[in-house]
Amino acid sequence: MNAKQLVIKCFAKQTEGVWVAVCLDFCLATQGDSLDEVKRKLEEQIFYYVSEALQDKEYGSQLLSRRAPLSSWIEYYYIWVINKIYHSASIIFNETMPLRPA
C-alpha cells in the first residue's frame, strides 16, 4: 500500500442549516448540526467501515474500492476551486486510512 492510498478524500458542506460530510473514497456520508460533529461522525464511520471490510474475506477488496459517484467527485473539485478563489462555508479535508496492527 502506498502513501496516496492512506489518504481518504472528504468534503463537508452546509445545506439549509444542516452540515453534510461525504467520504468520496468509500461512498459514505453523514449529517449533523456542526462541522465538528460531521467530521467526527464521518471519521468514526470510516473507521468502522474499513475495519469491517478488512475482516470480510469474500467482499473486503470490493468494499475498499467502492467510490462515490462522479457527481460527488465533481462537487468535491468545485468546492476545492471555490475555496481557492473565495472563502466558502464548504470545506475539503482528508482523513487517514485507519490501520490496525496485524
PDB file of N, CA and C in Angstrom:
ATOM      1  N   MET A   1       0.857  -1.174   0.000  1.00  0.00           N
ATOM      2  CA  MET A   1       0.000   0.000   0.000  1.00  0.00           C
ATOM      3  C   MET A   1       0.898   1.231   0.000  1.00  0.00           C
ATOM      4  N   ASN A   2       0.638   2.156  -0.933  1.00  0.00           N
ATOM      5  CA  ASN A   2       1.460   3.357  -0.978  1.00  0.00           C
ATOM      6  C   ASN A   2       0.809   4.492  -0.183  1.00  0.00           C
ATOM      7  N   ALA A   3       1.561   5.571   0.000  1.00  0.00           N
ATOM      8  CA  ALA A   3       1.108   6.680   0.850  1.00  0.00           C
ATOM      9  C   ALA A   3      -0.182   7.320   0.345  1.00  0.00           C
ATOM     10  N   LYS A   4      -0.367   7.413  -0.977  1.00  0.00           N
ATOM     11  CA  LYS A   4      -1.592   8.005  -1.519  1.00  0.00           C
ATOM     12  C   LYS A   4      -2.825   7.194  -1.149  1.00  0.00           C
ATOM     13  N   GLN A   5      -2.671   5.891  -1.006  1.00  0.00           N
ATOM     14  CA  GLN A   5      -3.801   5.047  -0.645  1.00  0.00           C
ATOM     15  C   GLN A   5      -4.213   5.231   0.813  1.00  0.00           C
ATOM     16  N   LEU A   6      -3.375   5.863   1.612  1.00  0.00           N
ATOM     17  CA  LEU A   6      -3.684   6.083   3.016  1.00  0.00           C
ATOM     18  C   LEU A   6      -4.456   7.374   3.256  1.00  0.00           C
ATOM     19  N   VAL A   7      -4.577   8.225   2.222  1.00  0.00           N
ATOM     20  CA  VAL A   7      -5.299   9.486   2.343  1.00  0.00           C
ATOM     21  C   VAL A   7      -6.681   9.324   1.716  1.00  0.00           C
ATOM     22  N   ILE A   8      -7.702   9.651   2.479  1.00  0.00           N
ATOM     23  CA  ILE A   8      -9.081   9.489   2.036  1.00  0.00           C
ATOM     24  C   ILE A   8      -9.661  10.883   1.807  1.00  0.00           C
ATOM     25  N   LYS A   9     -10.173  11.122   0.606  1.00  0.00           N
ATOM     26  CA  LYS A   9     -10.721  12.431   0.254  1.00  0.00           C
ATOM     27  C   LYS A   9     -12.146  12.592   0.789  1.00  0.00           C
ATOM     28  N   CYS A  10     -12.380  13.747   1.427  1.00  0.00           N
ATOM     29  CA  CYS A  10     -13.687  14.041   2.013  1.00  0.00           C
ATOM     30  C   CYS A  10     -14.017  15.513   1.809  1.00  0.00           C
ATOM     31  N   PHE A  11     -15.303  15.830   1.911  1.00  0.00           N
ATOM     32  CA  PHE A  11     -15.709  17.231   1.947  1.00  0.00           C
ATOM     33  C   PHE A  11     -16.927  17.373   2.835  1.00  0.00           C
ATOM     34  N   ALA A  12     -17.140  18.604   3.282  1.00  0.00           N
ATOM     35  CA  ALA A  12     -18.302  18.916   4.113  1.00  0.00           C
ATOM     36  C   ALA A  12     -18.906  20.208   3.612  1.00  0.00           C
ATOM     37  N   LYS A  13     -20.217  20.279   3.661  1.00  0.00           N
ATOM     38  CA  LYS A  13     -20.904  21.489   3.239  1.00  0.00           C
ATOM     39  C   LYS A  13     -22.126  21.699   4.122  1.00  0.00           C
ATOM     40  N   GLN A  14     -22.525  22.950   4.206  1.00  0.00           N
ATOM     41  CA  GLN A  14     -23.715  23.279   4.981  1.00  0.00           C
ATOM     42  C   GLN A  14     -24.842  23.563   4.005  1.00  0.00           C
ATOM     43  N   THR A  15     -25.940  22.837   4.176  1.00  0.00           N
ATOM     44  CA  THR A  15     -27.100  22.987   3.319  1.00  0.00           C
ATOM     45  C   THR A  15     -28.342  23.126   4.180  1.00  0.00           C
ATOM     46  N   GLU A  16     -29.016  24.252   4.041  1.00  0.00           N
ATOM     47  CA  GLU A  16     -30.261  24.507   4.777  1.00  0.00           C
ATOM     48  C   GLU A  16     -30.092  24.280   6.282  1.00  0.00           C
ATOM     49  N   GLY A  17     -28.973  24.770   6.831  1.00  0.00           N
ATOM     50  CA  GLY A  17     -28.732  24.700   8.268  1.00  0.00           C
ATOM     51  C   GLY A  17     -28.208  23.372   8.773  1.00  0.00           C
ATOM     52  N   VAL A  18     -28.002  22.406   7.884  1.00  0.00           N
ATOM     53  CA  VAL A  18     -27.501  21.087   8.275  1.00  0.00           C
ATOM     54  C   VAL A  18     -26.163  20.857   7.586  1.00  0.00           C
ATOM     55  N   TRP A  19     -25.194  20.358   8.335  1.00  0.00           N
ATOM     56  CA  TRP A  19     -23.897  20.016   7.762  1.00  0.00           C
ATOM     57  C   TRP A  19     -23.936  18.589   7.228  1.00  0.00           C
ATOM     58  N   VAL A  20     -23.349  18.393   6.051  1.00  0.00           N
ATOM     59  CA  VAL A  20     -23.243  17.076   5.430  1.00  0.00           C
ATOM     60  C   VAL A  20     -21.770  16.839   5.117  1.00  0.00           C
ATOM     61  N   ALA A  21     -21.256  15.688   5.508  1.00  0.00           N
ATOM     62  CA  ALA A  21     -19.874  15.309   5.199  1.00  0.00           C
ATOM     63  C   ALA A  21     -19.903  14.056   4.334  1.00  0.00           C
ATOM     64  N   VAL A  22     -19.048  14.035   3.315  1.00  0.00           N
ATOM     65  CA  VAL A  22     -19.018  12.933   2.347  1.00  0.00           C
ATOM     66  C   VAL A  22     -17.595  12.395   2.240  1.00  0.00           C
ATOM     67  N   CYS A  23     -17.466  11.092   2.276  1.00  0.00           N
ATOM     68  CA  CYS A  23     -16.194  10.408   2.027  1.00  0.00           C
ATOM     69  C   CYS A  23     -16.262   9.850   0.610  1.00  0.00           C
ATOM     70  N   LEU A  24     -15.465  10.402  -0.285  1.00  0.00           N
ATOM     71  CA  LEU A  24     -15.516  10.014  -1.690  1.00  0.00           C
ATOM     72  C   LEU A  24     -14.934   8.632  -1.953  1.00  0.00           C
ATOM     73  N   ASP A  25     -13.914   8.264  -1.201  1.00  0.00           N
ATOM     74  CA  ASP A  25     -13.224   7.010  -1.477  1.00  0.00           C
ATOM     75  C   ASP A  25     -14.010   5.765  -1.073  1.00  0.00           C
ATOM     76  N   PHE A  26     -14.964   5.912  -0.169  1.00  0.00           N
ATOM     77  CA  PHE A  26     -15.775   4.757   0.244  1.00  0.00           C
ATOM     78  C   PHE A  26     -17.269   4.989   0.059  1.00  0.00           C
ATOM     79  N   CYS A  27     -17.636   6.131  -0.523  1.00  0.00           N
ATOM     80  CA  CYS A  27     -19.045   6.467  -0.777  1.00  0.00           C
ATOM     81  C   CYS A  27     -19.848   6.427   0.526  1.00  0.00           C
ATOM     82  N   LEU A  28     -19.362   7.163   1.523  1.00  0.00           N
ATOM     83  CA  LEU A  28     -20.035   7.261   2.814  1.00  0.00           C
ATOM     84  C   LEU A  28     -20.446   8.710   3.030  1.00  0.00           C
ATOM     85  N   ALA A  29     -21.505   8.921   3.811  1.00  0.00           N
ATOM     86  CA  ALA A  29     -21.945  10.280   4.123  1.00  0.00           C
ATOM     87  C   ALA A  29     -22.624  10.297   5.479  1.00  0.00           C
ATOM     88  N   THR A  30     -22.592  11.468   6.089  1.00  0.00           N
ATOM     89  CA  THR A  30     -23.255  11.660   7.376  1.00  0.00           C
ATOM     90  C   THR A  30     -23.713  13.104   7.473  1.00  0.00           C
ATOM     91  N   GLN A  31     -24.585  13.384   8.410  1.00  0.00           N
ATOM     92  CA  GLN A  31     -25.027  14.759   8.608  1.00  0.00           C
ATOM     93  C   GLN A  31     -25.098  15.086  10.086  1.00  0.00           C
ATOM     94  N   GLY A  32     -25.059  16.386  10.394  1.00  0.00           N
ATOM     95  CA  GLY A  32     -25.103  16.824  11.778  1.00  0.00           C
ATOM     96  C   GLY A  32     -25.322  18.315  11.871  1.00  0.00           C
ATOM     97  N   ASP A  33     -25.294  18.817  13.089  1.00  0.00           N
ATOM     98  CA  ASP A  33     -25.586  20.227  13.342  1.00  0.00           C
ATOM     99  C   ASP A  33     -24.370  21.140  13.222  1.00  0.00           C
ATOM    100  N   SER A  34     -23.148  20.570  13.257  1.00  0.00           N
ATOM    101  CA  SER A  34     -21.951  21.409  13.183  1.00  0.00           C
ATOM    102  C   SER A  34     -20.881  20.710  12.343  1.00  0.00           C
ATOM    103  N   LEU A  35     -19.920  21.499  11.902  1.00  0.00           N
ATOM    104  CA  LEU A  35     -18.806  20.952  11.134  1.00  0.00           C
ATOM    105  C   LEU A  35     -18.026  19.934  11.962  1.00  0.00           C
ATOM    106  N   ASP A  36     -17.743  20.277  13.204  1.00  0.00           N
ATOM    107  CA  ASP A  36     -17.005  19.349  14.070  1.00  0.00           C
ATOM    108  C   ASP A  36     -17.747  18.032  14.237  1.00  0.00           C
ATOM    109  N   GLU A  37     -19.057  18.120  14.394  1.00  0.00           N
ATOM    110  CA  GLU A  37     -19.857  16.902  14.582  1.00  0.00           C
ATOM    111  C   GLU A  37     -19.811  16.008  13.347  1.00  0.00           C
ATOM    112  N   VAL A  38     -19.989  16.579  12.142  1.00  0.00           N
ATOM    113  CA  VAL A  38     -19.995  15.725  10.951  1.00  0.00           C
ATOM    114  C   VAL A  38     -18.618  15.159  10.657  1.00  0.00           C
ATOM    115  N   LYS A  39     -17.560  15.931  10.935  1.00  0.00           N
ATOM    116  CA  LYS A  39     -16.218  15.394  10.731  1.00  0.00           C
ATOM    117  C   LYS A  39     -15.956  14.234  11.685  1.00  0.00           C
ATOM    118  N   ARG A  40     -16.349  14.385  12.942  1.00  0.00           N
ATOM    119  CA  ARG A  40     -16.167  13.313  13.927  1.00  0.00           C
ATOM    120  C   ARG A  40     -16.983  12.075  13.538  1.00  0.00           C
ATOM    121  N   LYS A  41     -18.237  12.291  13.142  1.00  0.00           N
ATOM    122  CA  LYS A  41     -19.091  11.170  12.765  1.00  0.00           C
ATOM    123  C   LYS A  41     -18.569  10.456  11.522  1.00  0.00           C
ATOM    124  N   LEU A  42     -18.077  11.218  10.546  1.00  0.00           N
ATOM    125  CA  LEU A  42     -17.553  10.599   9.333  1.00  0.00           C
ATOM    126  C   LEU A  42     -16.267   9.840   9.635  1.00  0.00           C
ATOM    127  N   GLU A  43     -15.416  10.401  10.464  1.00  0.00           N
ATOM    128  CA  GLU A  43     -14.185   9.708  10.856  1.00  0.00           C
ATOM    129  C   GLU A  43     -14.506   8.370  11.522  1.00  0.00           C
ATOM    130  N   GLU A  44     -15.483   8.373  12.397  1.00  0.00           N
ATOM    131  CA  GLU A  44     -15.910   7.147  13.074  1.00  0.00           C
ATOM    132  C   GLU A  44     -16.500   6.152  12.077  1.00  0.00           C
ATOM    133  N   GLN A  45     -17.313   6.661  11.169  1.00  0.00           N
ATOM    134  CA  GLN A  45     -17.926   5.805  10.153  1.00  0.00           C
ATOM    135  C   GLN A  45     -16.856   5.163   9.267  1.00  0.00           C
ATOM    136  N   ILE A  46     -15.855   5.935   8.879  1.00  0.00           N
ATOM    137  CA  ILE A  46     -14.761   5.407   8.060  1.00  0.00           C
ATOM    138  C   ILE A  46     -14.019   4.312   8.823  1.00  0.00           C
ATOM    139  N   PHE A  47     -13.731   4.566  10.093  1.00  0.00           N
ATOM    140  CA  PHE A  47     -13.014   3.583  10.906  1.00  0.00           C
ATOM    141  C   PHE A  47     -13.756   2.244  10.933  1.00  0.00           C
ATOM    142  N   TYR A  48     -15.049   2.277  11.234  1.00  0.00           N
ATOM    143  CA  TYR A  48     -15.814   1.034  11.312  1.00  0.00           C
ATOM    144  C   TYR A  48     -15.982   0.375   9.947  1.00  0.00           C
ATOM    145  N   TYR A  49     -16.151   1.174   8.917  1.00  0.00           N
ATOM    146  CA  TYR A  49     -16.301   0.637   7.564  1.00  0.00           C
ATOM    147  C   TYR A  49     -15.041  -0.116   7.143  1.00  0.00           C
ATOM    148  N   VAL A  50     -13.888   0.518   7.342  1.00  0.00           N
ATOM    149  CA  VAL A  50     -12.617  -0.108   6.960  1.00  0.00           C
ATOM    150  C   VAL A  50     -12.356  -1.340   7.820  1.00  0.00           C
ATOM    151  N   SER A  51     -12.645  -1.258   9.098  1.00  0.00           N
ATOM    152  CA  SER A  51     -12.447  -2.408   9.995  1.00  0.00           C
ATOM    153  C   SER A  51     -13.267  -3.605   9.530  1.00  0.00           C
ATOM    154  N   GLU A  52     -14.520  -3.357   9.211  1.00  0.00           N
ATOM    155  CA  GLU A  52     -15.392  -4.452   8.734  1.00  0.00           C
ATOM    156  C   GLU A  52     -14.921  -4.985   7.380  1.00  0.00           C
ATOM    157  N   ALA A  53     -14.531  -4.097   6.483  1.00  0.00           N
ATOM    158  CA  ALA A  53     -14.077  -4.516   5.156  1.00  0.00           C
ATOM    159  C   ALA A  53     -12.815  -5.371   5.249  1.00  0.00           C
ATOM    160  N   LEU A  54     -11.916  -5.021   6.159  1.00  0.00           N
ATOM    161  CA  LEU A  54     -10.690  -5.798   6.312  1.00  0.00           C
ATOM    162  C   LEU A  54     -10.950  -7.183   6.866  1.00  0.00           C
ATOM    163  N   GLN A  55     -12.056  -7.349   7.577  1.00  0.00           N
ATOM    164  CA  GLN A  55     -12.404  -8.662   8.130  1.00  0.00           C
ATOM    165  C   GLN A  55     -13.205  -9.511   7.144  1.00  0.00           C
ATOM    166  N   ASP A  56     -13.790  -8.899   6.134  1.00  0.00           N
ATOM    167  CA  ASP A  56     -14.621  -9.609   5.163  1.00  0.00           C
ATOM    168  C   ASP A  56     -13.735 -10.204   4.072  1.00  0.00           C
ATOM    169  N   LYS A  57     -13.487 -11.494   4.163  1.00  0.00           N
ATOM    170  CA  LYS A  57     -12.576 -12.164   3.226  1.00  0.00           C
ATOM    171  C   LYS A  57     -13.164 -12.241   1.812  1.00  0.00           C
ATOM    172  N   GLU A  58     -14.488 -12.325   1.698  1.00  0.00           N
ATOM    173  CA  GLU A  58     -15.120 -12.501   0.390  1.00  0.00           C
ATOM    174  C   GLU A  58     -15.281 -11.186  -0.375  1.00  0.00           C
ATOM    175  N   TYR A  59     -15.726 -10.145   0.296  1.00  0.00           N
ATOM    176  CA  TYR A  59     -16.036  -8.890  -0.387  1.00  0.00           C
ATOM    177  C   TYR A  59     -15.202  -7.698   0.074  1.00  0.00           C
ATOM    178  N   GLY A  60     -14.258  -7.910   0.950  1.00  0.00           N
ATOM    179  CA  GLY A  60     -13.467  -6.820   1.509  1.00  0.00           C
ATOM    180  C   GLY A  60     -12.796  -5.946   0.476  1.00  0.00           C
ATOM    181  N   SER A  61     -12.173  -6.548  -0.530  1.00  0.00           N
ATOM    182  CA  SER A  61     -11.470  -5.734  -1.532  1.00  0.00           C
ATOM    183  C   SER A  61     -12.454  -4.899  -2.350  1.00  0.00           C
ATOM    184  N   GLN A  62     -13.645  -5.423  -2.590  1.00  0.00           N
ATOM    185  CA  GLN A  62     -14.661  -4.642  -3.305  1.00  0.00           C
ATOM    186  C   GLN A  62     -15.126  -3.466  -2.452  1.00  0.00           C
ATOM    187  N   LEU A  63     -15.311  -3.704  -1.161  1.00  0.00           N
ATOM    188  CA  LEU A  63     -15.754  -2.647  -0.261  1.00  0.00           C
ATOM    189  C   LEU A  63     -14.720  -1.532  -0.159  1.00  0.00           C
ATOM    190  N   LEU A  64     -13.443  -1.886  -0.165  1.00  0.00           N
ATOM    191  CA  LEU A  64     -12.382  -0.886  -0.049  1.00  0.00           C
ATOM    192  C   LEU A  64     -12.125  -0.138  -1.350  1.00  0.00           C
ATOM    193  N   SER A  65     -12.726  -0.584  -2.434  1.00  0.00           N
ATOM    194  CA  SER A  65     -12.558   0.122  -3.706  1.00  0.00           C
ATOM    195  C   SER A  65     -13.873   0.731  -4.184  1.00  0.00           C
ATOM    196  N   ARG A  66     -14.842   0.857  -3.291  1.00  0.00           N
ATOM    197  CA  ARG A  66     -16.147   1.453  -3.622  1.00  0.00           C
ATOM    198  C   ARG A  66     -16.017   2.972  -3.593  1.00  0.00           C
ATOM    199  N   ARG A  67     -16.209   3.616  -4.717  1.00  0.00           N
ATOM    200  CA  ARG A  67     -16.049   5.064  -4.836  1.00  0.00           C
ATOM    201  C   ARG A  67     -17.403   5.750  -4.987  1.00  0.00           C
ATOM    202  N   ALA A  68     -17.423   7.028  -4.605  1.00  0.00           N
ATOM    203  CA  ALA A  68     -18.631   7.849  -4.752  1.00  0.00           C
ATOM    204  C   ALA A  68     -18.908   8.062  -6.240  1.00  0.00           C
ATOM    205  N   PRO A  69     -20.140   8.408  -6.583  1.00  0.00           N
ATOM    206  CA  PRO A  69     -20.456   8.668  -7.989  1.00  0.00           C
ATOM    207  C   PRO A  69     -19.742   9.910  -8.515  1.00  0.00           C
ATOM    208  N   LEU A  70     -19.659  10.007  -9.816  1.00  0.00           N
ATOM    209  CA  LEU A  70     -18.971  11.117 -10.480  1.00  0.00           C
ATOM    210  C   LEU A  70     -19.497  12.467 -10.007  1.00  0.00           C
ATOM    211  N   SER A  71     -20.774  12.593  -9.786  1.00  0.00           N
ATOM    212  CA  SER A  71     -21.351  13.875  -9.357  1.00  0.00           C
ATOM    213  C   SER A  71     -20.749  14.346  -8.028  1.00  0.00           C
ATOM    214  N   SER A  72     -20.456  13.430  -7.132  1.00  0.00           N
ATOM    215  CA  SER A  72     -19.837  13.801  -5.851  1.00  0.00           C
ATOM    216  C   SER A  72     -18.394  14.245  -6.048  1.00  0.00           C
ATOM    217  N   TRP A  73     -17.678  13.592  -6.957  1.00  0.00           N
ATOM    218  CA  TRP A  73     -16.305  13.999  -7.246  1.00  0.00           C
ATOM    219  C   TRP A  73     -16.284  15.376  -7.899  1.00  0.00           C
ATOM    220  N   ILE A  74     -17.228  15.653  -8.779  1.00  0.00           N
ATOM    221  CA  ILE A  74     -17.317  16.973  -9.397  1.00  0.00           C
ATOM    222  C   ILE A  74     -17.584  18.031  -8.332  1.00  0.00           C
ATOM    223  N   GLU A  75     -18.486  17.725  -7.401  1.00  0.00           N
ATOM    224  CA  GLU A  75     -18.783  18.651  -6.314  1.00  0.00           C
ATOM    225  C   GLU A  75     -17.537  18.901  -5.455  1.00  0.00           C
ATOM    226  N   TYR A  76     -16.782  17.842  -5.172  1.00  0.00           N
ATOM    227  CA  TYR A  76     -15.544  17.957  -4.408  1.00  0.00           C
ATOM    228  C   TYR A  76     -14.592  18.941  -5.075  1.00  0.00           C
ATOM    229  N   TYR A  77     -14.336  18.775  -6.368  1.00  0.00           N
ATOM    230  CA  TYR A  77     -13.396  19.650  -7.061  1.00  0.00           C
ATOM    231  C   TYR A  77     -13.961  21.053  -7.256  1.00  0.00           C
ATOM    232  N   TYR A  78     -15.269  21.179  -7.381  1.00  0.00           N
ATOM    233  CA  TYR A  78     -15.894  22.501  -7.441  1.00  0.00           C
ATOM    234  C   TYR A  78     -15.643  23.246  -6.127  1.00  0.00           C
ATOM    235  N   ILE A  79     -15.863  22.581  -5.001  1.00  0.00           N
ATOM    236  CA  ILE A  79     -15.609  23.179  -3.687  1.00  0.00           C
ATOM    237  C   ILE A  79     -14.134  23.538  -3.552  1.00  0.00           C
ATOM    238  N   TRP A  80     -13.255  22.675  -4.029  1.00  0.00           N
ATOM    239  CA  TRP A  80     -11.821  22.938  -3.967  1.00  0.00           C
ATOM    240  C   TRP A  80     -11.478  24.223  -4.717  1.00  0.00           C
ATOM    241  N   VAL A  81     -12.017  24.379  -5.930  1.00  0.00           N
ATOM    242  CA  VAL A  81     -11.752  25.575  -6.735  1.00  0.00           C
ATOM    243  C   VAL A  81     -12.330  26.812  -6.057  1.00  0.00           C
ATOM    244  N   ILE A  82     -13.563  26.731  -5.593  1.00  0.00           N
ATOM    245  CA  ILE A  82     -14.206  27.871  -4.927  1.00  0.00           C
ATOM    246  C   ILE A  82     -13.400  28.284  -3.694  1.00  0.00           C
ATOM    247  N   ASN A  83     -12.905  27.324  -2.945  1.00  0.00           N
ATOM    248  CA  ASN A  83     -12.103  27.646  -1.756  1.00  0.00           C
ATOM    249  C   ASN A  83     -10.771  28.286  -2.112  1.00  0.00           C
ATOM    250  N   LYS A  84     -10.245  28.000  -3.274  1.00  0.00           N
ATOM    251  CA  LYS A  84      -9.004  28.645  -3.722  1.00  0.00           C
ATOM    252  C   LYS A  84      -9.254  30.110  -4.088  1.00  0.00           C
ATOM    253  N   ILE A  85     -10.449  30.400  -4.621  1.00  0.00           N
ATOM    254  CA  ILE A  85     -10.773  31.756  -5.057  1.00  0.00           C
ATOM    255  C   ILE A  85     -11.396  32.572  -3.922  1.00  0.00           C
ATOM    256  N   TYR A  86     -12.357  31.988  -3.240  1.00  0.00           N
ATOM    257  CA  TYR A  86     -13.086  32.653  -2.164  1.00  0.00           C
ATOM    258  C   TYR A  86     -12.979  31.800  -0.907  1.00  0.00           C
ATOM    259  N   HIS A  87     -13.416  32.359   0.180  1.00  0.00           N
ATOM    260  CA  HIS A  87     -13.529  31.563   1.402  1.00  0.00           C
ATOM    261  C   HIS A  87     -14.995  31.145   1.500  1.00  0.00           C
ATOM    262  N   SER A  88     -15.273  29.856   1.388  1.00  0.00           N
ATOM    263  CA  SER A  88     -16.666  29.417   1.429  1.00  0.00           C
ATOM    264  C   SER A  88     -16.929  28.603   2.686  1.00  0.00           C
ATOM    265  N   ALA A  89     -18.188  28.355   2.948  1.00  0.00           N
ATOM    266  CA  ALA A  89     -18.575  27.573   4.134  1.00  0.00           C
ATOM    267  C   ALA A  89     -18.243  26.095   3.948  1.00  0.00           C
ATOM    268  N   SER A  90     -18.161  25.640   2.722  1.00  0.00           N
ATOM    269  CA  SER A  90     -17.836  24.241   2.457  1.00  0.00           C
ATOM    270  C   SER A  90     -16.332  24.036   2.579  1.00  0.00           C
ATOM    271  N   ILE A  91     -15.937  22.855   2.994  1.00  0.00           N
ATOM    272  CA  ILE A  91     -14.507  22.591   3.162  1.00  0.00           C
ATOM    273  C   ILE A  91     -14.119  21.257   2.531  1.00  0.00           C
ATOM    274  N   ILE A  92     -12.862  21.179   2.186  1.00  0.00           N
ATOM    275  CA  ILE A  92     -12.243  19.945   1.720  1.00  0.00           C
ATOM    276  C   ILE A  92     -11.342  19.477   2.850  1.00  0.00           C
ATOM    277  N   PHE A  93     -11.383  18.201   3.174  1.00  0.00           N
ATOM    278  CA  PHE A  93     -10.466  17.687   4.177  1.00  0.00           C
ATOM    279  C   PHE A  93     -10.127  16.247   3.855  1.00  0.00           C
ATOM    280  N   ASN A  94      -9.031  15.793   4.399  1.00  0.00           N
ATOM    281  CA  ASN A  94      -8.581  14.424   4.206  1.00  0.00           C
ATOM    282  C   ASN A  94      -8.600  13.696   5.535  1.00  0.00           C
ATOM    283  N   GLU A  95      -8.908  12.450   5.469  1.00  0.00           N
ATOM    284  CA  GLU A  95      -8.793  11.571   6.622  1.00  0.00           C
ATOM    285  C   GLU A  95      -7.690  10.580   6.304  1.00  0.00           C
ATOM    286  N   THR A  96      -7.121   9.997   7.323  1.00  0.00           N
ATOM    287  CA  THR A  96      -6.094   8.983   7.130  1.00  0.00           C
ATOM    288  C   THR A  96      -6.734   7.612   7.256  1.00  0.00           C
ATOM    289  N   MET A  97      -6.330   6.711   6.385  1.00  0.00           N
ATOM    290  CA  MET A  97      -6.861   5.350   6.411  1.00  0.00           C
ATOM    291  C   MET A  97      -6.620   4.753   7.784  1.00  0.00           C
ATOM    292  N   PRO A  98      -7.675   4.294   8.458  1.00  0.00           N
ATOM    293  CA  PRO A  98      -7.469   3.662   9.754  1.00  0.00           C
ATOM    294  C   PRO A  98      -6.802   2.292   9.562  1.00  0.00           C
ATOM    295  N   LEU A  99      -5.694   2.101  10.209  1.00  0.00           N
ATOM    296  CA  LEU A  99      -4.970   0.844  10.086  1.00  0.00           C
ATOM    297  C   LEU A  99      -4.857   0.196  11.459  1.00  0.00           C
ATOM    298  N   ARG A 100      -4.917  -1.103  11.454  1.00  0.00           N
ATOM    299  CA  ARG A 100      -4.723  -1.865  12.685  1.00  0.00           C
ATOM    300  C   ARG A 100      -3.497  -2.728  12.533  1.00  0.00           C
ATOM    301  N   PRO A 101      -2.730  -2.881  13.599  1.00  0.00           N
ATOM    302  CA  PRO A 101      -1.600  -3.793  13.504  1.00  0.00           C
ATOM    303  C   PRO A 101      -2.082  -5.227  13.288  1.00  0.00           C
ATOM    304  N   ALA A 102      -1.333  -5.980  12.489  1.00  0.00           N
ATOM    305  CA  ALA A 102      -1.728  -7.364  12.203  1.00  0.00           C
ATOM    306  C   ALA A 102      -1.528  -8.263  13.398  1.00  0.00           C
TER     307      ALA A 102
END
